[in-house]
PDB file of N, CA and C in Angstrom:
ATOM      1  N   MET A   1       0.848  -1.176   0.000  1.00  0.00           N
ATOM      2  CA  MET A   1       0.000   0.000   0.000  1.00  0.00           C
ATOM      3  C   MET A   1       0.895   1.241   0.000  1.00  0.00           C
ATOM      4  N   ASP A   2       0.636   2.137  -0.899  1.00  0.00           N
ATOM      5  CA  ASP A   2       1.395   3.380  -0.993  1.00  0.00           C
ATOM      6  C   ASP A   2       0.687   4.444  -0.159  1.00  0.00           C
ATOM      7  N   LEU A   3       1.279   4.774   0.992  1.00  0.00           N
ATOM      8  CA  LEU A   3       0.649   5.738   1.893  1.00  0.00           C
ATOM      9  C   LEU A   3       0.569   7.126   1.276  1.00  0.00           C
ATOM     10  N   ARG A   4       1.550   7.462   0.450  1.00  0.00           N
ATOM     11  CA  ARG A   4       1.513   8.786  -0.174  1.00  0.00           C
ATOM     12  C   ARG A   4       0.293   8.942  -1.068  1.00  0.00           C
ATOM     13  N   SER A   5      -0.032   7.927  -1.841  1.00  0.00           N
ATOM     14  CA  SER A   5      -1.207   8.039  -2.713  1.00  0.00           C
ATOM     15  C   SER A   5      -2.488   8.037  -1.892  1.00  0.00           C
ATOM     16  N   THR A   6      -2.495   7.301  -0.770  1.00  0.00           N
ATOM     17  CA  THR A   6      -3.669   7.302   0.110  1.00  0.00           C
ATOM     18  C   THR A   6      -3.906   8.693   0.677  1.00  0.00           C
ATOM     19  N   HIS A   7      -2.840   9.337   1.158  1.00  0.00           N
ATOM     20  CA  HIS A   7      -2.979  10.693   1.698  1.00  0.00           C
ATOM     21  C   HIS A   7      -3.374  11.682   0.610  1.00  0.00           C
ATOM     22  N   ARG A   8      -2.815  11.496  -0.581  1.00  0.00           N
ATOM     23  CA  ARG A   8      -3.157  12.381  -1.694  1.00  0.00           C
ATOM     24  C   ARG A   8      -4.637  12.238  -2.031  1.00  0.00           C
ATOM     25  N   ASP A   9      -5.142  11.007  -2.059  1.00  0.00           N
ATOM     26  CA  ASP A   9      -6.564  10.777  -2.325  1.00  0.00           C
ATOM     27  C   ASP A   9      -7.429  11.416  -1.249  1.00  0.00           C
ATOM     28  N   GLN A  10      -7.016  11.295   0.002  1.00  0.00           N
ATOM     29  CA  GLN A  10      -7.772  11.904   1.098  1.00  0.00           C
ATOM     30  C   GLN A  10      -7.769  13.419   0.963  1.00  0.00           C
ATOM     31  N   ASP A  11      -6.613  14.001   0.614  1.00  0.00           N
ATOM     32  CA  ASP A  11      -6.526  15.445   0.421  1.00  0.00           C
ATOM     33  C   ASP A  11      -7.437  15.901  -0.709  1.00  0.00           C
ATOM     34  N   GLU A  12      -7.460  15.141  -1.806  1.00  0.00           N
ATOM     35  CA  GLU A  12      -8.316  15.502  -2.936  1.00  0.00           C
ATOM     36  C   GLU A  12      -9.785  15.401  -2.553  1.00  0.00           C
ATOM     37  N   ASN A  13     -10.152  14.370  -1.806  1.00  0.00           N
ATOM     38  CA  ASN A  13     -11.541  14.229  -1.358  1.00  0.00           C
ATOM     39  C   ASN A  13     -11.929  15.372  -0.443  1.00  0.00           C
ATOM     40  N   CYS A  14     -11.025  15.753   0.445  1.00  0.00           N
ATOM     41  CA  CYS A  14     -11.291  16.860   1.362  1.00  0.00           C
ATOM     42  C   CYS A  14     -11.470  18.157   0.576  1.00  0.00           C
ATOM     43  N   ALA A  15     -10.591  18.393  -0.398  1.00  0.00           N
ATOM     44  CA  ALA A  15     -10.690  19.600  -1.221  1.00  0.00           C
ATOM     45  C   ALA A  15     -12.004  19.620  -1.983  1.00  0.00           C
ATOM     46  N   CYS A  16     -12.430  18.476  -2.488  1.00  0.00           N
ATOM     47  CA  CYS A  16     -13.705  18.401  -3.214  1.00  0.00           C
ATOM     48  C   CYS A  16     -14.876  18.719  -2.294  1.00  0.00           C
ATOM     49  N   ARG A  17     -14.835  18.192  -1.072  1.00  0.00           N
ATOM     50  CA  ARG A  17     -15.913  18.482  -0.113  1.00  0.00           C
ATOM     51  C   ARG A  17     -15.961  19.972   0.203  1.00  0.00           C
ATOM     52  N   TRP A  18     -14.785  20.600   0.383  1.00  0.00           N
ATOM     53  CA  TRP A  18     -14.761  22.038   0.651  1.00  0.00           C
ATOM     54  C   TRP A  18     -15.333  22.811  -0.519  1.00  0.00           C
ATOM     55  N   CYS A  19     -14.967  22.413  -1.727  1.00  0.00           N
ATOM     56  CA  CYS A  19     -15.498  23.093  -2.912  1.00  0.00           C
ATOM     57  C   CYS A  19     -17.015  22.972  -2.965  1.00  0.00           C
ATOM     58  N   GLU A  20     -17.535  21.803  -2.648  1.00  0.00           N
ATOM     59  CA  GLU A  20     -18.983  21.595  -2.635  1.00  0.00           C
ATOM     60  C   GLU A  20     -19.642  22.441  -1.554  1.00  0.00           C
ATOM     61  N   MET A  21     -19.038  22.490  -0.366  1.00  0.00           N
ATOM     62  CA  MET A  21     -19.596  23.285   0.728  1.00  0.00           C
ATOM     63  C   MET A  21     -19.649  24.757   0.342  1.00  0.00           C
ATOM     64  N   VAL A  22     -18.554  25.253  -0.217  1.00  0.00           N
ATOM     65  CA  VAL A  22     -18.487  26.661  -0.602  1.00  0.00           C
ATOM     66  C   VAL A  22     -19.484  26.953  -1.718  1.00  0.00           C
ATOM     67  N   ALA A  23     -19.586  26.077  -2.695  1.00  0.00           N
ATOM     68  CA  ALA A  23     -20.525  26.291  -3.802  1.00  0.00           C
ATOM     69  C   ALA A  23     -21.964  26.326  -3.301  1.00  0.00           C
ATOM     70  N   GLU A  24     -22.291  25.423  -2.398  1.00  0.00           N
ATOM     71  CA  GLU A  24     -23.643  25.388  -1.838  1.00  0.00           C
ATOM     72  C   GLU A  24     -23.927  26.659  -1.043  1.00  0.00           C
ATOM     73  N   ALA A  25     -22.983  27.064  -0.212  1.00  0.00           N
ATOM     74  CA  ALA A  25     -23.160  28.271   0.597  1.00  0.00           C
ATOM     75  C   ALA A  25     -23.220  29.512  -0.285  1.00  0.00           C
ATOM     76  N   ARG A  26     -22.411  29.530  -1.332  1.00  0.00           N
ATOM     77  CA  ARG A  26     -22.402  30.682  -2.236  1.00  0.00           C
ATOM     78  C   ARG A  26     -23.770  30.853  -2.899  1.00  0.00           C
ATOM     79  N   SER A  27     -24.424  29.747  -3.250  1.00  0.00           N
ATOM     80  CA  SER A  27     -25.743  29.858  -3.887  1.00  0.00           C
ATOM     81  C   SER A  27     -26.759  30.468  -2.929  1.00  0.00           C
ATOM     82  N   VAL A  28     -26.634  30.175  -1.646  1.00  0.00           N
ATOM     83  CA  VAL A  28     -27.524  30.780  -0.645  1.00  0.00           C
ATOM     84  C   VAL A  28     -27.236  32.274  -0.544  1.00  0.00           C
ATOM     85  N   TRP A  29     -25.961  32.624  -0.452  1.00  0.00           N
ATOM     86  CA  TRP A  29     -25.571  34.025  -0.291  1.00  0.00           C
ATOM     87  C   TRP A  29     -25.931  34.849  -1.525  1.00  0.00           C
ATOM     88  N   GLU A  30     -25.682  34.320  -2.703  1.00  0.00           N
ATOM     89  CA  GLU A  30     -25.919  35.085  -3.922  1.00  0.00           C
ATOM     90  C   GLU A  30     -27.398  35.258  -4.226  1.00  0.00           C
ATOM     91  N   GLY A  31     -28.247  34.489  -3.562  1.00  0.00           N
ATOM     92  CA  GLY A  31     -29.680  34.630  -3.764  1.00  0.00           C
ATOM     93  C   GLY A  31     -30.182  36.020  -3.426  1.00  0.00           C
ATOM     94  N   ASN A  32     -29.686  36.580  -2.314  1.00  0.00           N
ATOM     95  CA  ASN A  32     -30.156  37.917  -1.924  1.00  0.00           C
ATOM     96  C   ASN A  32     -29.213  38.673  -0.991  1.00  0.00           C
ATOM     97  N   HIS A  33     -28.041  38.115  -0.705  1.00  0.00           N
ATOM     98  CA  HIS A  33     -27.040  38.758   0.171  1.00  0.00           C
ATOM     99  C   HIS A  33     -27.628  39.119   1.534  1.00  0.00           C
ATOM    100  N   ASP A  34     -28.459  38.260   2.053  1.00  0.00           N
ATOM    101  CA  ASP A  34     -29.110  38.454   3.353  1.00  0.00           C
ATOM    102  C   ASP A  34     -28.278  37.758   4.433  1.00  0.00           C
ATOM    103  N   HIS A  35     -27.691  38.566   5.329  1.00  0.00           N
ATOM    104  CA  HIS A  35     -26.837  37.997   6.377  1.00  0.00           C
ATOM    105  C   HIS A  35     -27.611  37.072   7.311  1.00  0.00           C
ATOM    106  N   ASP A  36     -28.838  37.424   7.658  1.00  0.00           N
ATOM    107  CA  ASP A  36     -29.619  36.562   8.555  1.00  0.00           C
ATOM    108  C   ASP A  36     -29.889  35.201   7.921  1.00  0.00           C
ATOM    109  N   GLU A  37     -30.261  35.211   6.667  1.00  0.00           N
ATOM    110  CA  GLU A  37     -30.519  33.945   5.972  1.00  0.00           C
ATOM    111  C   GLU A  37     -29.234  33.115   5.875  1.00  0.00           C
ATOM    112  N   PHE A  38     -28.123  33.769   5.564  1.00  0.00           N
ATOM    113  CA  PHE A  38     -26.851  33.064   5.442  1.00  0.00           C
ATOM    114  C   PHE A  38     -26.426  32.495   6.798  1.00  0.00           C
ATOM    115  N   ARG A  39     -26.585  33.277   7.843  1.00  0.00           N
ATOM    116  CA  ARG A  39     -26.252  32.821   9.197  1.00  0.00           C
ATOM    117  C   ARG A  39     -27.095  31.609   9.568  1.00  0.00           C
ATOM    118  N   ARG A  40     -28.381  31.660   9.298  1.00  0.00           N
ATOM    119  CA  ARG A  40     -29.261  30.522   9.604  1.00  0.00           C
ATOM    120  C   ARG A  40     -28.892  29.295   8.766  1.00  0.00           C
ATOM    121  N   TYR A  41     -28.475  29.540   7.539  1.00  0.00           N
ATOM    122  CA  TYR A  41     -28.038  28.437   6.687  1.00  0.00           C
ATOM    123  C   TYR A  41     -26.819  27.748   7.303  1.00  0.00           C
ATOM    124  N   LEU A  42     -25.812  28.521   7.695  1.00  0.00           N
ATOM    125  CA  LEU A  42     -24.615  27.931   8.322  1.00  0.00           C
ATOM    126  C   LEU A  42     -25.009  27.142   9.563  1.00  0.00           C
ATOM    127  N   ARG A  43     -25.904  27.711  10.340  1.00  0.00           N
ATOM    128  CA  ARG A  43     -26.350  27.045  11.569  1.00  0.00           C
ATOM    129  C   ARG A  43     -27.097  25.748  11.242  1.00  0.00           C
ATOM    130  N   SER A  44     -27.933  25.783  10.224  1.00  0.00           N
ATOM    131  CA  SER A  44     -28.705  24.587   9.861  1.00  0.00           C
ATOM    132  C   SER A  44     -27.797  23.459   9.373  1.00  0.00           C
ATOM    133  N   ARG A  45     -26.665  23.828   8.801  1.00  0.00           N
ATOM    134  CA  ARG A  45     -25.706  22.829   8.327  1.00  0.00           C
ATOM    135  C   ARG A  45     -24.789  22.363   9.460  1.00  0.00           C
ATOM    136  N   ASP A  46     -24.917  22.997  10.620  1.00  0.00           N
ATOM    137  CA  ASP A  46     -24.094  22.686  11.791  1.00  0.00           C
ATOM    138  C   ASP A  46     -22.619  22.975  11.519  1.00  0.00           C
ATOM    139  N   TRP A  47     -22.376  24.063  10.792  1.00  0.00           N
ATOM    140  CA  TRP A  47     -21.010  24.497  10.517  1.00  0.00           C
ATOM    141  C   TRP A  47     -20.653  25.559  11.538  1.00  0.00           C
ATOM    142  N   HIS A  48     -19.642  25.275  12.336  1.00  0.00           N
ATOM    143  CA  HIS A  48     -19.217  26.184  13.400  1.00  0.00           C
ATOM    144  C   HIS A  48     -17.714  26.370  13.342  1.00  0.00           C
ATOM    145  N   GLY A  49     -17.224  27.361  14.062  1.00  0.00           N
ATOM    146  CA  GLY A  49     -15.792  27.572  14.214  1.00  0.00           C
ATOM    147  C   GLY A  49     -15.062  27.726  12.895  1.00  0.00           C
ATOM    148  N   VAL A  50     -13.947  27.018  12.796  1.00  0.00           N
ATOM    149  CA  VAL A  50     -13.072  27.142  11.631  1.00  0.00           C
ATOM    150  C   VAL A  50     -13.821  26.823  10.343  1.00  0.00           C
ATOM    151  N   GLN A  51     -14.657  25.825  10.387  1.00  0.00           N
ATOM    152  CA  GLN A  51     -15.420  25.437   9.198  1.00  0.00           C
ATOM    153  C   GLN A  51     -16.268  26.610   8.697  1.00  0.00           C
ATOM    154  N   ALA A  52     -17.018  27.223   9.591  1.00  0.00           N
ATOM    155  CA  ALA A  52     -17.872  28.348   9.206  1.00  0.00           C
ATOM    156  C   ALA A  52     -17.038  29.549   8.770  1.00  0.00           C
ATOM    157  N   ILE A  53     -15.946  29.810   9.473  1.00  0.00           N
ATOM    158  CA  ILE A  53     -15.094  30.950   9.124  1.00  0.00           C
ATOM    159  C   ILE A  53     -14.522  30.774   7.725  1.00  0.00           C
ATOM    160  N   LYS A  54     -14.072  29.573   7.400  1.00  0.00           N
ATOM    161  CA  LYS A  54     -13.530  29.327   6.060  1.00  0.00           C
ATOM    162  C   LYS A  54     -14.593  29.526   4.983  1.00  0.00           C
ATOM    163  N   VAL A  55     -15.809  29.089   5.253  1.00  0.00           N
ATOM    164  CA  VAL A  55     -16.890  29.263   4.279  1.00  0.00           C
ATOM    165  C   VAL A  55     -17.218  30.745   4.124  1.00  0.00           C
ATOM    166  N   ILE A  56     -17.330  31.466   5.237  1.00  0.00           N
ATOM    167  CA  ILE A  56     -17.605  32.908   5.179  1.00  0.00           C
ATOM    168  C   ILE A  56     -16.507  33.621   4.390  1.00  0.00           C
ATOM    169  N   TYR A  57     -15.268  33.284   4.694  1.00  0.00           N
ATOM    170  CA  TYR A  57     -14.109  33.884   4.030  1.00  0.00           C
ATOM    171  C   TYR A  57     -14.184  33.693   2.517  1.00  0.00           C
ATOM    172  N   ARG A  58     -14.482  32.476   2.097  1.00  0.00           N
ATOM    173  CA  ARG A  58     -14.517  32.166   0.660  1.00  0.00           C
ATOM    174  C   ARG A  58     -15.749  32.760  -0.024  1.00  0.00           C
ATOM    175  N   VAL A  59     -16.906  32.634   0.600  1.00  0.00           N
ATOM    176  CA  VAL A  59     -18.152  33.074  -0.040  1.00  0.00           C
ATOM    177  C   VAL A  59     -18.239  34.597  -0.096  1.00  0.00           C
ATOM    178  N   HIS A  60     -17.877  35.255   0.995  1.00  0.00           N
ATOM    179  CA  HIS A  60     -17.994  36.713   1.045  1.00  0.00           C
ATOM    180  C   HIS A  60     -16.797  37.404   0.398  1.00  0.00           C
ATOM    181  N   GLY A  61     -15.701  36.664   0.206  1.00  0.00           N
ATOM    182  CA  GLY A  61     -14.527  37.252  -0.434  1.00  0.00           C
ATOM    183  C   GLY A  61     -13.916  38.372   0.386  1.00  0.00           C
ATOM    184  N   ILE A  62     -13.816  38.157   1.699  1.00  0.00           N
ATOM    185  CA  ILE A  62     -13.303  39.188   2.597  1.00  0.00           C
ATOM    186  C   ILE A  62     -12.010  38.711   3.255  1.00  0.00           C
ATOM    187  N   ARG A  63     -11.346  39.638   3.956  1.00  0.00           N
ATOM    188  CA  ARG A  63     -10.122  39.278   4.679  1.00  0.00           C
ATOM    189  C   ARG A  63     -10.464  38.285   5.779  1.00  0.00           C
ATOM    190  N   LEU A  64      -9.483  37.473   6.143  1.00  0.00           N
ATOM    191  CA  LEU A  64      -9.697  36.456   7.168  1.00  0.00           C
ATOM    192  C   LEU A  64     -10.154  37.082   8.480  1.00  0.00           C
ATOM    193  N   LYS A  65      -9.533  38.187   8.891  1.00  0.00           N
ATOM    194  CA  LYS A  65      -9.940  38.861  10.130  1.00  0.00           C
ATOM    195  C   LYS A  65     -11.405  39.274  10.062  1.00  0.00           C
ATOM    196  N   ASP A  66     -11.820  39.783   8.917  1.00  0.00           N
ATOM    197  CA  ASP A  66     -13.219  40.186   8.749  1.00  0.00           C
ATOM    198  C   ASP A  66     -14.151  38.977   8.784  1.00  0.00           C
ATOM    199  N   ALA A  67     -13.696  37.847   8.256  1.00  0.00           N
ATOM    200  CA  ALA A  67     -14.503  36.621   8.316  1.00  0.00           C
ATOM    201  C   ALA A  67     -14.665  36.160   9.757  1.00  0.00           C
ATOM    202  N   VAL A  68     -13.599  36.272  10.552  1.00  0.00           N
ATOM    203  CA  VAL A  68     -13.677  35.910  11.975  1.00  0.00           C
ATOM    204  C   VAL A  68     -14.644  36.846  12.690  1.00  0.00           C
ATOM    205  N   ASP A  69     -14.541  38.139  12.416  1.00  0.00           N
ATOM    206  CA  ASP A  69     -15.452  39.110  13.034  1.00  0.00           C
ATOM    207  C   ASP A  69     -16.903  38.832  12.650  1.00  0.00           C
ATOM    208  N   ARG A  70     -17.124  38.511  11.384  1.00  0.00           N
ATOM    209  CA  ARG A  70     -18.487  38.217  10.933  1.00  0.00           C
ATOM    210  C   ARG A  70     -19.009  36.954  11.612  1.00  0.00           C
ATOM    211  N   TYR A  71     -18.157  35.946  11.720  1.00  0.00           N
ATOM    212  CA  TYR A  71     -18.551  34.717  12.421  1.00  0.00           C
ATOM    213  C   TYR A  71     -18.919  35.025  13.872  1.00  0.00           C
ATOM    214  N   ASP A  72     -18.121  35.851  14.532  1.00  0.00           N
ATOM    215  CA  ASP A  72     -18.421  36.229  15.920  1.00  0.00           C
ATOM    216  C   ASP A  72     -19.782  36.913  16.014  1.00  0.00           C
ATOM    217  N   GLU A  73     -20.073  37.777  15.061  1.00  0.00           N
ATOM    218  CA  GLU A  73     -21.374  38.453  15.046  1.00  0.00           C
ATOM    219  C   GLU A  73     -22.499  37.445  14.823  1.00  0.00           C
ATOM    220  N   TYR A  74     -22.308  36.519  13.894  1.00  0.00           N
ATOM    221  CA  TYR A  74     -23.302  35.475  13.660  1.00  0.00           C
ATOM    222  C   TYR A  74     -23.517  34.650  14.929  1.00  0.00           C
ATOM    223  N   ALA A  75     -22.430  34.329  15.629  1.00  0.00           N
ATOM    224  CA  ALA A  75     -22.536  33.533  16.857  1.00  0.00           C
ATOM    225  C   ALA A  75     -23.325  34.291  17.922  1.00  0.00           C
ATOM    226  N   ARG A  76     -23.088  35.598  18.041  1.00  0.00           N
ATOM    227  CA  ARG A  76     -23.863  36.411  18.999  1.00  0.00           C
ATOM    228  C   ARG A  76     -25.350  36.395  18.640  1.00  0.00           C
ATOM    229  N   GLN A  77     -25.651  36.537  17.359  1.00  0.00           N
ATOM    230  CA  GLN A  77     -27.047  36.530  16.928  1.00  0.00           C
ATOM    231  C   GLN A  77     -27.685  35.166  17.161  1.00  0.00           C
ATOM    232  N   ASN A  78     -26.938  34.094  16.908  1.00  0.00           N
ATOM    233  CA  ASN A  78     -27.457  32.747  17.173  1.00  0.00           C
ATOM    234  C   ASN A  78     -27.753  32.568  18.654  1.00  0.00           C
ATOM    235  N   ALA A  79     -26.859  33.047  19.512  1.00  0.00           N
ATOM    236  CA  ALA A  79     -27.054  32.927  20.957  1.00  0.00           C
ATOM    237  C   ALA A  79     -28.279  33.721  21.397  1.00  0.00           C
ATOM    238  N   ALA A  80     -28.462  34.905  20.832  1.00  0.00           N
ATOM    239  CA  ALA A  80     -29.625  35.723  21.176  1.00  0.00           C
ATOM    240  C   ALA A  80     -30.914  35.040  20.741  1.00  0.00           C
ATOM    241  N   GLU A  81     -30.914  34.452  19.553  1.00  0.00           N
ATOM    242  CA  GLU A  81     -32.106  33.729  19.080  1.00  0.00           C
ATOM    243  C   GLU A  81     -32.413  32.541  19.980  1.00  0.00           C
ATOM    244  N   THR A  82     -31.380  31.827  20.380  1.00  0.00           N
ATOM    245  CA  THR A  82     -31.560  30.660  21.248  1.00  0.00           C
ATOM    246  C   THR A  82     -32.110  31.085  22.602  1.00  0.00           C
ATOM    247  N   ALA A  83     -31.622  32.203  23.126  1.00  0.00           N
ATOM    248  CA  ALA A  83     -32.077  32.694  24.430  1.00  0.00           C
ATOM    249  C   ALA A  83     -33.546  33.107  24.392  1.00  0.00           C
ATOM    250  N   GLU A  84     -34.003  33.568  23.242  1.00  0.00           N
ATOM    251  CA  GLU A  84     -35.392  34.007  23.105  1.00  0.00           C
ATOM    252  C   GLU A  84     -36.373  32.848  23.108  1.00  0.00           C
ATOM    253  N   THR A  85     -35.908  31.668  22.726  1.00  0.00           N
ATOM    254  CA  THR A  85     -36.824  30.523  22.633  1.00  0.00           C
ATOM    255  C   THR A  85     -36.882  29.728  23.899  1.00  0.00           C
TER     256      THR A  85
END
């Protein structure tokens, strides 16, 4: 068994999954550029932390720091919504 080819295959599969995640999220965002809808979409997919930040970064086309800040804002809004229910 060639471990290098196994790792390469895993890397390619991971890259494909990321591309699919970003493409799916981009279609939600490009529908109307509604932050609340996009935030709820990320939450419905159970994407949190680094995963959500990477998607925000790629879909919104912003600096990484801005993606982290946006994620923090989304997290605050999610917490507020949860507290209301």
